[in-house]
Every structure is written in C-alpha cells, then in structure tokens.
C-alpha cells in the first residue's frame, strides 16, 4: 500500500475526488428525500384513513430517520466501492501503521 497525502496531489486530482463525493452526495440526498417523502406520505395516509392523524407525526419522523440512516449507509458503501478520479478509498485498521 502506498499512502498519499491529498495536499500533494495536483489540483485536477483533488477536483475529481471532490466531484466524486459531490455528485454521489446529491444523488443520495435526492433518493433519500424522495423515499422519505413517499414512506411518510403512505404512513400518513394509512394513519389518517385509520382515524389517527395525531400519531402520524412521530411515525413520519421515525420513518425519516430510518430512511436517512439507510441512505447514509448506501452512500458510504458506494464511496468505498467506486473510483474517485484515479483513486479509491480504502479502509485500514486504526492500529495499522501506514
């Protein structure tokens, strides 16, 4: 393994890495927003139809948190399995010397 310091990379490599994080973050944000809205809308409709409109807010909040946590997990897996310009992210154990 050959560790690199981001400060030593040329600007074009830094820009590619930043772009890789940015566009994936935008996609994950949009996906999380749409899925959270869909799940919250369905839960609100079902609870409203059942006659419990006051219970919809905590359920919607919980669904939002769970959806957000799931999409953060997807975001991290996506970043760790893809190329960012000419580079990849790699996890190493904190005790391991680089």
PDB file of N, CA and C in Angstrom:
ATOM      1  N   UNK A   1       0.852  -1.168   0.000  1.00  0.00           N
ATOM      2  CA  UNK A   1       0.000   0.000   0.000  1.00  0.00           C
ATOM      3  C   UNK A   1       0.898   1.231   0.000  1.00  0.00           C
ATOM      4  N   UNK A   2       0.502   2.202  -0.796  1.00  0.00           N
ATOM      5  CA  UNK A   2       1.265   3.424  -0.947  1.00  0.00           C
ATOM      6  C   UNK A   2       0.395   4.616  -0.547  1.00  0.00           C
ATOM      7  N   UNK A   3       0.451   5.060   0.722  1.00  0.00           N
ATOM      8  CA  UNK A   3      -0.425   6.150   1.157  1.00  0.00           C
ATOM      9  C   UNK A   3      -0.062   7.478   0.485  1.00  0.00           C
ATOM     10  N   UNK A   4      -1.088   8.268   0.227  1.00  0.00           N
ATOM     11  CA  UNK A   4      -0.909   9.576  -0.390  1.00  0.00           C
ATOM     12  C   UNK A   4      -1.498  10.645   0.509  1.00  0.00           C
ATOM     13  N   UNK A   5      -0.878  11.808   0.488  1.00  0.00           N
ATOM     14  CA  UNK A   5      -1.413  12.967   1.193  1.00  0.00           C
ATOM     15  C   UNK A   5      -2.144  13.823   0.172  1.00  0.00           C
ATOM     16  N   UNK A   6      -3.386  14.177   0.459  1.00  0.00           N
ATOM     17  CA  UNK A   6      -4.181  14.932  -0.511  1.00  0.00           C
ATOM     18  C   UNK A   6      -3.548  16.293  -0.809  1.00  0.00           C
ATOM     19  N   UNK A   7      -2.776  16.819   0.112  1.00  0.00           N
ATOM     20  CA  UNK A   7      -2.116  18.101  -0.116  1.00  0.00           C
ATOM     21  C   UNK A   7      -1.074  18.026  -1.228  1.00  0.00           C
ATOM     22  N   UNK A   8      -0.558  16.822  -1.485  1.00  0.00           N
ATOM     23  CA  UNK A   8       0.479  16.652  -2.500  1.00  0.00           C
ATOM     24  C   UNK A   8      -0.085  16.352  -3.887  1.00  0.00           C
ATOM     25  N   UNK A   9      -1.391  16.145  -3.989  1.00  0.00           N
ATOM     26  CA  UNK A   9      -1.997  15.824  -5.280  1.00  0.00           C
ATOM     27  C   UNK A   9      -2.156  17.082  -6.131  1.00  0.00           C
ATOM     28  N   UNK A  10      -2.113  16.926  -7.448  1.00  0.00           N
ATOM     29  CA  UNK A  10      -2.385  18.082  -8.308  1.00  0.00           C
ATOM     30  C   UNK A  10      -3.848  18.508  -8.197  1.00  0.00           C
ATOM     31  N   UNK A  11      -4.124  19.747  -8.590  1.00  0.00           N
ATOM     32  CA  UNK A  11      -5.466  20.298  -8.475  1.00  0.00           C
ATOM     33  C   UNK A  11      -6.495  19.454  -9.221  1.00  0.00           C
ATOM     34  N   UNK A  12      -6.138  18.933 -10.397  1.00  0.00           N
ATOM     35  CA  UNK A  12      -7.098  18.147 -11.179  1.00  0.00           C
ATOM     36  C   UNK A  12      -7.521  16.882 -10.433  1.00  0.00           C
ATOM     37  N   UNK A  13      -6.600  16.253  -9.739  1.00  0.00           N
ATOM     38  CA  UNK A  13      -6.952  15.057  -8.954  1.00  0.00           C
ATOM     39  C   UNK A  13      -7.835  15.420  -7.766  1.00  0.00           C
ATOM     40  N   UNK A  14      -7.529  16.531  -7.112  1.00  0.00           N
ATOM     41  CA  UNK A  14      -8.369  16.988  -5.996  1.00  0.00           C
ATOM     42  C   UNK A  14      -9.782  17.298  -6.483  1.00  0.00           C
ATOM     43  N   UNK A  15      -9.872  17.929  -7.659  1.00  0.00           N
ATOM     44  CA  UNK A  15     -11.182  18.273  -8.216  1.00  0.00           C
ATOM     45  C   UNK A  15     -11.974  17.019  -8.553  1.00  0.00           C
ATOM     46  N   UNK A  16     -11.348  16.001  -9.105  1.00  0.00           N
ATOM     47  CA  UNK A  16     -12.049  14.751  -9.427  1.00  0.00           C
ATOM     48  C   UNK A  16     -12.555  14.059  -8.171  1.00  0.00           C
ATOM     49  N   UNK A  17     -11.734  14.059  -7.128  1.00  0.00           N
ATOM     50  CA  UNK A  17     -12.146  13.436  -5.866  1.00  0.00           C
ATOM     51  C   UNK A  17     -13.341  14.189  -5.280  1.00  0.00           C
ATOM     52  N   UNK A  18     -13.253  15.518  -5.263  1.00  0.00           N
ATOM     53  CA  UNK A  18     -14.363  16.330  -4.738  1.00  0.00           C
ATOM     54  C   UNK A  18     -15.624  16.138  -5.570  1.00  0.00           C
ATOM     55  N   UNK A  19     -15.474  16.091  -6.896  1.00  0.00           N
ATOM     56  CA  UNK A  19     -16.629  15.888  -7.766  1.00  0.00           C
ATOM     57  C   UNK A  19     -17.268  14.518  -7.497  1.00  0.00           C
ATOM     58  N   UNK A  20     -16.441  13.491  -7.280  1.00  0.00           N
ATOM     59  CA  UNK A  20     -16.971  12.165  -6.979  1.00  0.00           C
ATOM     60  C   UNK A  20     -17.803  12.148  -5.713  1.00  0.00           C
ATOM     61  N   UNK A  21     -17.355  12.846  -4.675  1.00  0.00           N
ATOM     62  CA  UNK A  21     -18.137  12.953  -3.442  1.00  0.00           C
ATOM     63  C   UNK A  21     -19.402  13.764  -3.684  1.00  0.00           C
ATOM     64  N   UNK A  22     -19.259  14.886  -4.402  1.00  0.00           N
ATOM     65  CA  UNK A  22     -20.369  15.812  -4.577  1.00  0.00           C
ATOM     66  C   UNK A  22     -21.539  15.191  -5.316  1.00  0.00           C
ATOM     67  N   UNK A  23     -21.292  14.612  -6.511  1.00  0.00           N
ATOM     68  CA  UNK A  23     -22.430  14.134  -7.289  1.00  0.00           C
ATOM     69  C   UNK A  23     -23.068  12.918  -6.641  1.00  0.00           C
ATOM     70  N   UNK A  24     -22.284  12.083  -5.991  1.00  0.00           N
ATOM     71  CA  UNK A  24     -22.879  10.950  -5.288  1.00  0.00           C
ATOM     72  C   UNK A  24     -23.709  11.433  -4.100  1.00  0.00           C
ATOM     73  N   UNK A  25     -23.233  12.467  -3.423  1.00  0.00           N
ATOM     74  CA  UNK A  25     -23.993  13.042  -2.318  1.00  0.00           C
ATOM     75  C   UNK A  25     -25.315  13.626  -2.772  1.00  0.00           C
ATOM     76  N   UNK A  26     -25.315  14.296  -3.938  1.00  0.00           N
ATOM     77  CA  UNK A  26     -26.555  14.854  -4.489  1.00  0.00           C
ATOM     78  C   UNK A  26     -27.540  13.728  -4.823  1.00  0.00           C
ATOM     79  N   UNK A  27     -27.055  12.670  -5.457  1.00  0.00           N
ATOM     80  CA  UNK A  27     -27.929  11.537  -5.817  1.00  0.00           C
ATOM     81  C   UNK A  27     -28.515  10.896  -4.560  1.00  0.00           C
ATOM     82  N   UNK A  28     -27.688  10.685  -3.550  1.00  0.00           N
ATOM     83  CA  UNK A  28     -28.156  10.076  -2.303  1.00  0.00           C
ATOM     84  C   UNK A  28     -29.159  10.996  -1.601  1.00  0.00           C
ATOM     85  N   UNK A  29     -28.908  12.292  -1.616  1.00  0.00           N
ATOM     86  CA  UNK A  29     -29.834  13.241  -0.995  1.00  0.00           C
ATOM     87  C   UNK A  29     -31.191  13.212  -1.683  1.00  0.00           C
ATOM     88  N   UNK A  30     -31.184  13.237  -3.007  1.00  0.00           N
ATOM     89  CA  UNK A  30     -32.449  13.182  -3.748  1.00  0.00           C
ATOM     90  C   UNK A  30     -33.187  11.866  -3.507  1.00  0.00           C
ATOM     91  N   UNK A  31     -32.445  10.757  -3.532  1.00  0.00           N
ATOM     92  CA  UNK A  31     -33.065   9.457  -3.273  1.00  0.00           C
ATOM     93  C   UNK A  31     -33.643   9.361  -1.877  1.00  0.00           C
ATOM     94  N   UNK A  32     -32.911   9.848  -0.896  1.00  0.00           N
ATOM     95  CA  UNK A  32     -33.386   9.819   0.483  1.00  0.00           C
ATOM     96  C   UNK A  32     -34.625  10.697   0.656  1.00  0.00           C
ATOM     97  N   UNK A  33     -34.600  11.866   0.026  1.00  0.00           N
ATOM     98  CA  UNK A  33     -35.743  12.780   0.123  1.00  0.00           C
ATOM     99  C   UNK A  33     -36.990  12.165  -0.500  1.00  0.00           C
ATOM    100  N   UNK A  34     -36.837  11.610  -1.688  1.00  0.00           N
ATOM    101  CA  UNK A  34     -37.990  11.019  -2.365  1.00  0.00           C
ATOM    102  C   UNK A  34     -38.535   9.808  -1.611  1.00  0.00           C
ATOM    103  N   UNK A  35     -37.641   8.933  -1.164  1.00  0.00           N
ATOM    104  CA  UNK A  35     -38.111   7.748  -0.431  1.00  0.00           C
ATOM    105  C   UNK A  35     -38.720   8.132   0.914  1.00  0.00           C
ATOM    106  N   UNK A  36     -38.104   9.097   1.613  1.00  0.00           N
ATOM    107  CA  UNK A  36     -38.665   9.552   2.885  1.00  0.00           C
ATOM    108  C   UNK A  36     -40.039  10.176   2.705  1.00  0.00           C
ATOM    109  N   UNK A  37     -40.192  10.979   1.644  1.00  0.00           N
ATOM    110  CA  UNK A  37     -41.497  11.599   1.377  1.00  0.00           C
ATOM    111  C   UNK A  37     -42.533  10.543   1.019  1.00  0.00           C
ATOM    112  N   UNK A  38     -42.134   9.575   0.233  1.00  0.00           N
ATOM    113  CA  UNK A  38     -43.059   8.510  -0.159  1.00  0.00           C
ATOM    114  C   UNK A  38     -43.485   7.684   1.053  1.00  0.00           C
ATOM    115  N   UNK A  39     -42.516   7.272   1.861  1.00  0.00           N
ATOM    116  CA  UNK A  39     -42.851   6.489   3.052  1.00  0.00           C
ATOM    117  C   UNK A  39     -43.689   7.297   4.043  1.00  0.00           C
ATOM    118  N   UNK A  40     -43.319   8.565   4.239  1.00  0.00           N
ATOM    119  CA  UNK A  40     -44.096   9.416   5.150  1.00  0.00           C
ATOM    120  C   UNK A  40     -45.500   9.665   4.636  1.00  0.00           C
ATOM    121  N   UNK A  41     -45.645   9.859   3.333  1.00  0.00           N
ATOM    122  CA  UNK A  41     -46.968  10.065   2.743  1.00  0.00           C
ATOM    123  C   UNK A  41     -47.846   8.840   2.870  1.00  0.00           C
ATOM    124  N   UNK A  42     -47.266   7.680   2.612  1.00  0.00           N
ATOM    125  CA  UNK A  42     -48.037   6.436   2.728  1.00  0.00           C
ATOM    126  C   UNK A  42     -48.437   6.203   4.188  1.00  0.00           C
ATOM    127  N   UNK A  43     -47.482   6.400   5.110  1.00  0.00           N
ATOM    128  CA  UNK A  43     -47.798   6.204   6.527  1.00  0.00           C
ATOM    129  C   UNK A  43     -48.842   7.214   6.990  1.00  0.00           C
ATOM    130  N   UNK A  44     -48.736   8.455   6.546  1.00  0.00           N
ATOM    131  CA  UNK A  44     -49.719   9.471   6.913  1.00  0.00           C
ATOM    132  C   UNK A  44     -51.100   9.153   6.365  1.00  0.00           C
ATOM    133  N   UNK A  45     -51.135   8.679   5.132  1.00  0.00           N
ATOM    134  CA  UNK A  45     -52.407   8.308   4.532  1.00  0.00           C
ATOM    135  C   UNK A  45     -53.047   7.152   5.286  1.00  0.00           C
ATOM    136  N   UNK A  46     -52.270   6.133   5.586  1.00  0.00           N
ATOM    137  CA  UNK A  46     -52.805   4.962   6.294  1.00  0.00           C
ATOM    138  C   UNK A  46     -53.280   5.350   7.689  1.00  0.00           C
ATOM    139  N   UNK A  47     -52.467   6.136   8.399  1.00  0.00           N
ATOM    140  CA  UNK A  47     -52.873   6.537   9.752  1.00  0.00           C
ATOM    141  C   UNK A  47     -54.063   7.492   9.711  1.00  0.00           C
ATOM    142  N   UNK A  48     -54.104   8.375   8.722  1.00  0.00           N
ATOM    143  CA  UNK A  48     -55.258   9.267   8.580  1.00  0.00           C
ATOM    144  C   UNK A  48     -56.516   8.511   8.231  1.00  0.00           C
ATOM    145  N   UNK A  49     -56.387   7.523   7.368  1.00  0.00           N
ATOM    146  CA  UNK A  49     -57.521   6.687   6.985  1.00  0.00           C
ATOM    147  C   UNK A  49     -58.015   5.869   8.166  1.00  0.00           C
ATOM    148  N   UNK A  50     -57.078   5.480   9.039  1.00  0.00           N
ATOM    149  CA  UNK A  50     -57.449   4.701  10.222  1.00  0.00           C
ATOM    150  C   UNK A  50     -58.017   5.589  11.328  1.00  0.00           C
ATOM    151  N   UNK A  51     -57.939   6.916  11.154  1.00  0.00           N
ATOM    152  CA  UNK A  51     -58.516   7.815  12.144  1.00  0.00           C
ATOM    153  C   UNK A  51     -57.547   8.241  13.226  1.00  0.00           C
ATOM    154  N   UNK A  52     -56.254   8.132  12.990  1.00  0.00           N
ATOM    155  CA  UNK A  52     -55.259   8.530  13.993  1.00  0.00           C
ATOM    156  C   UNK A  52     -54.328   9.585  13.419  1.00  0.00           C
ATOM    157  N   UNK A  53     -54.833  10.770  13.065  1.00  0.00           N
ATOM    158  CA  UNK A  53     -53.981  11.779  12.433  1.00  0.00           C
ATOM    159  C   UNK A  53     -52.895  12.326  13.358  1.00  0.00           C
ATOM    160  N   UNK A  54     -53.084  12.295  14.672  1.00  0.00           N
ATOM    161  CA  UNK A  54     -52.081  12.830  15.589  1.00  0.00           C
ATOM    162  C   UNK A  54     -50.897  11.890  15.734  1.00  0.00           C
ATOM    163  N   UNK A  55     -51.072  10.638  15.419  1.00  0.00           N
ATOM    164  CA  UNK A  55     -49.976   9.685  15.535  1.00  0.00           C
ATOM    165  C   UNK A  55     -49.087   9.709  14.305  1.00  0.00           C
ATOM    166  N   UNK A  56     -49.479  10.435  13.281  1.00  0.00           N
ATOM    167  CA  UNK A  56     -48.718  10.432  12.028  1.00  0.00           C
ATOM    168  C   UNK A  56     -47.381  11.145  12.156  1.00  0.00           C
ATOM    169  N   UNK A  57     -47.293  12.198  12.959  1.00  0.00           N
ATOM    170  CA  UNK A  57     -46.049  12.968  13.060  1.00  0.00           C
ATOM    171  C   UNK A  57     -44.886  12.145  13.620  1.00  0.00           C
ATOM    172  N   UNK A  58     -45.036  11.464  14.758  1.00  0.00           N
ATOM    173  CA  UNK A  58     -43.905  10.664  15.243  1.00  0.00           C
ATOM    174  C   UNK A  58     -43.547   9.505  14.308  1.00  0.00           C
ATOM    175  N   UNK A  59     -44.540   8.903  13.698  1.00  0.00           N
ATOM    176  CA  UNK A  59     -44.272   7.800  12.770  1.00  0.00           C
ATOM    177  C   UNK A  59     -43.532   8.326  11.551  1.00  0.00           C
ATOM    178  N   UNK A  60     -43.951   9.469  11.032  1.00  0.00           N
ATOM    179  CA  UNK A  60     -43.275  10.071   9.889  1.00  0.00           C
ATOM    180  C   UNK A  60     -41.840  10.451  10.221  1.00  0.00           C
ATOM    181  N   UNK A  61     -41.617  10.985  11.415  1.00  0.00           N
ATOM    182  CA  UNK A  61     -40.262  11.327  11.846  1.00  0.00           C
ATOM    183  C   UNK A  61     -39.374  10.104  11.965  1.00  0.00           C
ATOM    184  N   UNK A  62     -39.920   9.043  12.527  1.00  0.00           N
ATOM    185  CA  UNK A  62     -39.164   7.803  12.657  1.00  0.00           C
ATOM    186  C   UNK A  62     -38.825   7.220  11.289  1.00  0.00           C
ATOM    187  N   UNK A  63     -39.799   7.235  10.381  1.00  0.00           N
ATOM    188  CA  UNK A  63     -39.534   6.749   9.022  1.00  0.00           C
ATOM    189  C   UNK A  63     -38.468   7.603   8.327  1.00  0.00           C
ATOM    190  N   UNK A  64     -38.470   8.905   8.573  1.00  0.00           N
ATOM    191  CA  UNK A  64     -37.454   9.785   8.005  1.00  0.00           C
ATOM    192  C   UNK A  64     -36.064   9.468   8.525  1.00  0.00           C
ATOM    193  N   UNK A  65     -35.952   9.225   9.820  1.00  0.00           N
ATOM    194  CA  UNK A  65     -34.657   8.890  10.418  1.00  0.00           C
ATOM    195  C   UNK A  65     -34.143   7.560   9.880  1.00  0.00           C
ATOM    196  N   UNK A  66     -35.003   6.560   9.817  1.00  0.00           N
ATOM    197  CA  UNK A  66     -34.602   5.242   9.316  1.00  0.00           C
ATOM    198  C   UNK A  66     -34.197   5.326   7.841  1.00  0.00           C
ATOM    199  N   UNK A  67     -34.967   6.053   7.046  1.00  0.00           N
ATOM    200  CA  UNK A  67     -34.638   6.217   5.633  1.00  0.00           C
ATOM    201  C   UNK A  67     -33.304   6.940   5.473  1.00  0.00           C
ATOM    202  N   UNK A  68     -33.103   8.012   6.240  1.00  0.00           N
ATOM    203  CA  UNK A  68     -31.845   8.750   6.170  1.00  0.00           C
ATOM    204  C   UNK A  68     -30.650   7.890   6.553  1.00  0.00           C
ATOM    205  N   UNK A  69     -30.782   7.104   7.626  1.00  0.00           N
ATOM    206  CA  UNK A  69     -29.693   6.229   8.057  1.00  0.00           C
ATOM    207  C   UNK A  69     -29.380   5.184   6.991  1.00  0.00           C
ATOM    208  N   UNK A  70     -30.405   4.635   6.363  1.00  0.00           N
ATOM    209  CA  UNK A  70     -30.195   3.643   5.304  1.00  0.00           C
ATOM    210  C   UNK A  70     -29.457   4.269   4.122  1.00  0.00           C
ATOM    211  N   UNK A  71     -29.831   5.480   3.732  1.00  0.00           N
ATOM    212  CA  UNK A  71     -29.177   6.114   2.600  1.00  0.00           C
ATOM    213  C   UNK A  71     -27.755   6.567   2.925  1.00  0.00           C
ATOM    214  N   UNK A  72     -27.471   6.911   4.173  1.00  0.00           N
ATOM    215  CA  UNK A  72     -26.084   7.205   4.556  1.00  0.00           C
ATOM    216  C   UNK A  72     -25.239   5.946   4.424  1.00  0.00           C
ATOM    217  N   UNK A  73     -25.788   4.815   4.836  1.00  0.00           N
ATOM    218  CA  UNK A  73     -25.090   3.543   4.680  1.00  0.00           C
ATOM    219  C   UNK A  73     -24.818   3.263   3.198  1.00  0.00           C
ATOM    220  N   UNK A  74     -25.825   3.474   2.352  1.00  0.00           N
ATOM    221  CA  UNK A  74     -25.629   3.276   0.914  1.00  0.00           C
ATOM    222  C   UNK A  74     -24.561   4.213   0.366  1.00  0.00           C
ATOM    223  N   UNK A  75     -24.566   5.466   0.815  1.00  0.00           N
ATOM    224  CA  UNK A  75     -23.584   6.450   0.372  1.00  0.00           C
ATOM    225  C   UNK A  75     -22.167   6.002   0.708  1.00  0.00           C
ATOM    226  N   UNK A  76     -21.953   5.546   1.936  1.00  0.00           N
ATOM    227  CA  UNK A  76     -20.623   5.089   2.340  1.00  0.00           C
ATOM    228  C   UNK A  76     -20.181   3.861   1.557  1.00  0.00           C
ATOM    229  N   UNK A  77     -21.085   2.906   1.379  1.00  0.00           N
ATOM    230  CA  UNK A  77     -20.733   1.718   0.585  1.00  0.00           C
ATOM    231  C   UNK A  77     -20.395   2.099  -0.846  1.00  0.00           C
ATOM    232  N   UNK A  78     -21.149   3.023  -1.408  1.00  0.00           N
ATOM    233  CA  UNK A  78     -20.921   3.477  -2.779  1.00  0.00           C
ATOM    234  C   UNK A  78     -19.550   4.146  -2.902  1.00  0.00           C
ATOM    235  N   UNK A  79     -19.218   5.011  -1.945  1.00  0.00           N
ATOM    236  CA  UNK A  79     -17.918   5.679  -1.988  1.00  0.00           C
ATOM    237  C   UNK A  79     -16.767   4.698  -1.836  1.00  0.00           C
ATOM    238  N   UNK A  80     -16.939   3.716  -0.971  1.00  0.00           N
ATOM    239  CA  UNK A  80     -15.860   2.762  -0.732  1.00  0.00           C
ATOM    240  C   UNK A  80     -15.699   1.741  -1.855  1.00  0.00           C
ATOM    241  N   UNK A  81     -16.677   1.630  -2.724  1.00  0.00           N
ATOM    242  CA  UNK A  81     -16.581   0.636  -3.801  1.00  0.00           C
ATOM    243  C   UNK A  81     -16.363   1.273  -5.172  1.00  0.00           C
ATOM    244  N   UNK A  82     -16.194   2.576  -5.244  1.00  0.00           N
ATOM    245  CA  UNK A  82     -16.070   3.224  -6.552  1.00  0.00           C
ATOM    246  C   UNK A  82     -14.747   3.973  -6.665  1.00  0.00           C
ATOM    247  N   UNK A  83     -14.448   4.334  -7.895  1.00  0.00           N
ATOM    248  CA  UNK A  83     -13.248   5.130  -8.168  1.00  0.00           C
ATOM    249  C   UNK A  83     -13.596   6.609  -8.072  1.00  0.00           C
ATOM    250  N   UNK A  84     -12.693   7.356  -7.503  1.00  0.00           N
ATOM    251  CA  UNK A  84     -12.821   8.807  -7.418  1.00  0.00           C
ATOM    252  C   UNK A  84     -11.654   9.387  -8.218  1.00  0.00           C
ATOM    253  N   UNK A  85     -11.902   9.652  -9.484  1.00  0.00           N
ATOM    254  CA  UNK A  85     -10.806  10.039 -10.373  1.00  0.00           C
ATOM    255  C   UNK A  85      -9.926   8.823 -10.608  1.00  0.00           C
ATOM    256  N   UNK A  86      -8.653   8.953 -10.292  1.00  0.00           N
ATOM    257  CA  UNK A  86      -7.718   7.829 -10.434  1.00  0.00           C
ATOM    258  C   UNK A  86      -7.486   7.110  -9.116  1.00  0.00           C
ATOM    259  N   UNK A  87      -8.324   7.372  -8.120  1.00  0.00           N
ATOM    260  CA  UNK A  87      -8.099   6.846  -6.781  1.00  0.00           C
ATOM    261  C   UNK A  87      -9.324   6.108  -6.270  1.00  0.00           C
ATOM    262  N   UNK A  88      -9.116   5.340  -5.196  1.00  0.00           N
ATOM    263  CA  UNK A  88     -10.181   4.648  -4.482  1.00  0.00           C
ATOM    264  C   UNK A  88      -9.983   4.915  -3.003  1.00  0.00           C
ATOM    265  N   UNK A  89     -11.069   4.905  -2.267  1.00  0.00           N
ATOM    266  CA  UNK A  89     -10.971   4.998  -0.814  1.00  0.00           C
ATOM    267  C   UNK A  89     -10.706   3.607  -0.265  1.00  0.00           C
ATOM    268  N   UNK A  90      -9.924   3.550   0.785  1.00  0.00           N
ATOM    269  CA  UNK A  90      -9.564   2.276   1.367  1.00  0.00           C
ATOM    270  C   UNK A  90      -9.622   2.396   2.886  1.00  0.00           C
ATOM    271  N   UNK A  91     -10.284   1.457   3.512  1.00  0.00           N
ATOM    272  CA  UNK A  91     -10.324   1.425   4.975  1.00  0.00           C
ATOM    273  C   UNK A  91      -9.148   0.606   5.482  1.00  0.00           C
ATOM    274  N   UNK A  92      -8.470   1.133   6.468  1.00  0.00           N
ATOM    275  CA  UNK A  92      -7.422   0.382   7.152  1.00  0.00           C
ATOM    276  C   UNK A  92      -7.706   0.468   8.634  1.00  0.00           C
ATOM    277  N   UNK A  93      -7.281  -0.536   9.350  1.00  0.00           N
ATOM    278  CA  UNK A  93      -7.484  -0.552  10.798  1.00  0.00           C
ATOM    279  C   UNK A  93      -6.694   0.580  11.423  1.00  0.00           C
ATOM    280  N   UNK A  94      -7.249   1.210  12.433  1.00  0.00           N
ATOM    281  CA  UNK A  94      -6.604   2.372  13.059  1.00  0.00           C
ATOM    282  C   UNK A  94      -5.278   2.011  13.712  1.00  0.00           C
ATOM    283  N   UNK A  95      -5.107   0.775  14.120  1.00  0.00           N
ATOM    284  CA  UNK A  95      -3.860   0.347  14.760  1.00  0.00           C
ATOM    285  C   UNK A  95      -2.753   0.093  13.745  1.00  0.00           C
ATOM    286  N   UNK A  96      -3.117  -0.078  12.488  1.00  0.00           N
ATOM    287  CA  UNK A  96      -2.137  -0.406  11.455  1.00  0.00           C
ATOM    288  C   UNK A  96      -1.319   0.822  11.098  1.00  0.00           C
ATOM    289  N   UNK A  97      -0.012   0.613  10.992  1.00  0.00           N
ATOM    290  CA  UNK A  97       0.878   1.717  10.602  1.00  0.00           C
ATOM    291  C   UNK A  97       0.874   1.829   9.089  1.00  0.00           C
ATOM    292  N   UNK A  98       0.814   3.060   8.628  1.00  0.00           N
ATOM    293  CA  UNK A  98       0.792   3.293   7.177  1.00  0.00           C
ATOM    294  C   UNK A  98       2.157   3.732   6.726  1.00  0.00           C
TER     295      UNK A  98
END
